C-alpha atoms as a PDB file:
ATOM      1  CA  UNK A   1       0.000   0.000   0.000  1.00  0.00           C
ATOM      2  CA  UNK A   2       1.271   3.455  -0.950  1.00  0.00           C
ATOM      3  CA  UNK A   3       1.828   5.431   2.244  1.00  0.00           C
ATOM      4  CA  UNK A   4       1.683   8.740   0.331  1.00  0.00           C
ATOM      5  CA  UNK A   5      -2.005   8.272  -0.508  1.00  0.00           C
ATOM      6  CA  UNK A   6      -4.428  10.185   1.701  1.00  0.00           C
ATOM      7  CA  UNK A   7      -7.317   7.887   2.651  1.00  0.00           C
ATOM      8  CA  UNK A   8     -10.679   9.674   2.893  1.00  0.00           C
ATOM      9  CA  UNK A   9     -13.994   8.641   4.446  1.00  0.00           C
ATOM     10  CA  UNK A  10     -16.977  10.497   2.927  1.00  0.00           C
ATOM     11  CA  UNK A  11     -19.989  10.928   5.204  1.00  0.00           C
ATOM     12  CA  UNK A  12     -23.248  12.432   3.955  1.00  0.00           C
ATOM     13  CA  UNK A  13     -26.863  11.312   4.124  1.00  0.00           C
ATOM     14  CA  UNK A  14     -27.440  12.158   0.450  1.00  0.00           C
ATOM     15  CA  UNK A  15     -26.077   9.565  -2.015  1.00  0.00           C
ATOM     16  CA  UNK A  16     -25.911  12.159  -4.807  1.00  0.00           C
ATOM     17  CA  UNK A  17     -23.687  14.405  -2.674  1.00  0.00           C
ATOM     18  CA  UNK A  18     -21.383  11.487  -1.856  1.00  0.00           C
ATOM     19  CA  UNK A  19     -21.182  10.558  -5.538  1.00  0.00           C
ATOM     20  CA  UNK A  20     -20.353  14.136  -6.496  1.00  0.00           C
ATOM     21  CA  UNK A  21     -17.664  14.426  -3.846  1.00  0.00           C
ATOM     22  CA  UNK A  22     -16.206  11.052  -4.851  1.00  0.00           C
ATOM     23  CA  UNK A  23     -16.012  12.238  -8.478  1.00  0.00           C
ATOM     24  CA  UNK A  24     -14.458  15.567  -7.479  1.00  0.00           C
ATOM     25  CA  UNK A  25     -11.883  14.035  -5.154  1.00  0.00           C
ATOM     26  CA  UNK A  26     -11.080  11.349  -7.720  1.00  0.00           C
ATOM     27  CA  UNK A  27      -9.497  14.053  -9.867  1.00  0.00           C
ATOM     28  CA  UNK A  28      -6.715  14.607  -7.313  1.00  0.00           C
ATOM     29  CA  UNK A  29      -3.593  12.476  -7.344  1.00  0.00           C
ATOM     30  CA  UNK A  30      -2.731  11.186  -3.903  1.00  0.00           C
ATOM     31  CA  UNK A  31      -6.331  11.069  -2.628  1.00  0.00           C
ATOM     32  CA  UNK A  32      -8.335   7.868  -2.283  1.00  0.00           C
ATOM     33  CA  UNK A  33     -11.975   7.786  -1.217  1.00  0.00           C
ATOM     34  CA  UNK A  34     -11.550   4.586   0.768  1.00  0.00           C
ATOM     35  CA  UNK A  35     -15.119   4.343   2.111  1.00  0.00           C
ATOM     36  CA  UNK A  36     -18.454   6.101   2.464  1.00  0.00           C
ATOM     37  CA  UNK A  37     -21.051   6.299   5.221  1.00  0.00           C
ATOM     38  CA  UNK A  38     -24.630   7.578   5.111  1.00  0.00           C
ATOM     39  CA  UNK A  39     -24.917   8.655   8.761  1.00  0.00           C
ATOM     40  CA  UNK A  40     -22.891   9.523  11.832  1.00  0.00           C
ATOM     41  CA  UNK A  41     -23.200   6.159  13.559  1.00  0.00           C
ATOM     42  CA  UNK A  42     -21.988   4.348  10.440  1.00  0.00           C
ATOM     43  CA  UNK A  43     -19.069   6.761  10.173  1.00  0.00           C
ATOM     44  CA  UNK A  44     -17.970   6.139  13.760  1.00  0.00           C
ATOM     45  CA  UNK A  45     -18.246   2.373  13.195  1.00  0.00           C
ATOM     46  CA  UNK A  46     -16.310   2.525   9.897  1.00  0.00           C
ATOM     47  CA  UNK A  47     -13.482   4.514  11.485  1.00  0.00           C
ATOM     48  CA  UNK A  48     -13.230   1.914  14.266  1.00  0.00           C
ATOM     49  CA  UNK A  49     -13.335  -0.945  11.740  1.00  0.00           C
ATOM     50  CA  UNK A  50     -10.575   0.528   9.603  1.00  0.00           C
ATOM     51  CA  UNK A  51      -8.447   1.221  12.680  1.00  0.00           C
ATOM     52  CA  UNK A  52      -8.830  -2.434  13.746  1.00  0.00           C
ATOM     53  CA  UNK A  53      -7.758  -3.550  10.261  1.00  0.00           C
ATOM     54  CA  UNK A  54      -4.676  -1.346  10.428  1.00  0.00           C
ATOM     55  CA  UNK A  55      -5.890   0.822   7.543  1.00  0.00           C
ATOM     56  CA  UNK A  56      -6.972   4.048   9.263  1.00  0.00           C
ATOM     57  CA  UNK A  57      -8.391   7.047   7.464  1.00  0.00           C
ATOM     58  CA  UNK A  58      -6.335  10.194   7.180  1.00  0.00           C
ATOM     59  CA  UNK A  59      -9.355  12.442   6.605  1.00  0.00           C
ATOM     60  CA  UNK A  60     -13.051  12.190   7.406  1.00  0.00           C
ATOM     61  CA  UNK A  61     -15.146  14.549   5.290  1.00  0.00           C
ATOM     62  CA  UNK A  62     -18.324  14.829   7.359  1.00  0.00           C
ATOM     63  CA  UNK A  63     -21.685  16.472   6.716  1.00  0.00           C
ATOM     64  CA  UNK A  64     -22.429  18.043  10.091  1.00  0.00           C
ATOM     65  CA  UNK A  65     -26.200  18.313   9.671  1.00  0.00           C
ATOM     66  CA  UNK A  66     -27.641  14.960   8.668  1.00  0.00           C
ATOM     67  CA  UNK A  67     -31.152  13.586   9.098  1.00  0.00           C
ATOM     68  CA  UNK A  68     -32.169  11.330  11.964  1.00  0.00           C
ATOM     69  CA  UNK A  69     -29.797   9.552  14.303  1.00  0.00           C
ATOM     70  CA  UNK A  70     -26.298  10.598  15.244  1.00  0.00           C
ATOM     71  CA  UNK A  71     -25.561  13.882  13.490  1.00  0.00           C
ATOM     72  CA  UNK A  72     -22.232  14.769  11.951  1.00  0.00           C
ATOM     73  CA  UNK A  73     -21.228  17.179  14.700  1.00  0.00           C
ATOM     74  CA  UNK A  74     -21.571  14.524  17.419  1.00  0.00           C
ATOM     75  CA  UNK A  75     -19.981  11.844  15.241  1.00  0.00           C
ATOM     76  CA  UNK A  76     -17.018  14.166  14.659  1.00  0.00           C
ATOM     77  CA  UNK A  77     -16.638  14.586  18.422  1.00  0.00           C
ATOM     78  CA  UNK A  78     -16.563  10.803  18.819  1.00  0.00           C
ATOM     79  CA  UNK A  79     -14.017  10.136  16.073  1.00  0.00           C
ATOM     80  CA  UNK A  80     -10.375  10.323  17.007  1.00  0.00           C
ATOM     81  CA  UNK A  81      -7.897  10.082  14.140  1.00  0.00           C
ATOM     82  CA  UNK A  82      -4.326   9.460  15.346  1.00  0.00           C
ATOM     83  CA  UNK A  83      -1.877  12.163  14.298  1.00  0.00           C
ATOM     84  CA  UNK A  84      -4.652  13.987  12.475  1.00  0.00           C
ATOM     85  CA  UNK A  85      -6.194  17.390  12.824  1.00  0.00           C
ATOM     86  CA  UNK A  86      -9.895  18.137  12.714  1.00  0.00           C
ATOM     87  CA  UNK A  87     -11.079  21.245  10.934  1.00  0.00           C
ATOM     88  CA  UNK A  88     -14.603  22.566  10.911  1.00  0.00           C
ATOM     89  CA  UNK A  89     -16.463  25.682   9.869  1.00  0.00           C
ATOM     90  CA  UNK A  90     -18.682  25.158  12.904  1.00  0.00           C
ATOM     91  CA  UNK A  91     -17.921  25.484  16.589  1.00  0.00           C
ATOM     92  CA  UNK A  92     -17.888  21.948  17.920  1.00  0.00           C
END
């Protein structure tokens, strides 16, 4: 596995938005959309799963305001990415 590739998890409750972001990010060398999630709880679980497999994400691109269930803001609070920084346009 190429260690220079930035692994991204896309999280949004709208499949069309995820598809658009995947297409946009696919144009950048060095970025890999490694997985997608449709809600906050799935995102938290996917981060934990990838960590357990030894293939952690470098970036989680999270929609903060999703429909029912765990919203993106709370999911972001629960996700800890080793040696990573979290950036948001919202006060978390």
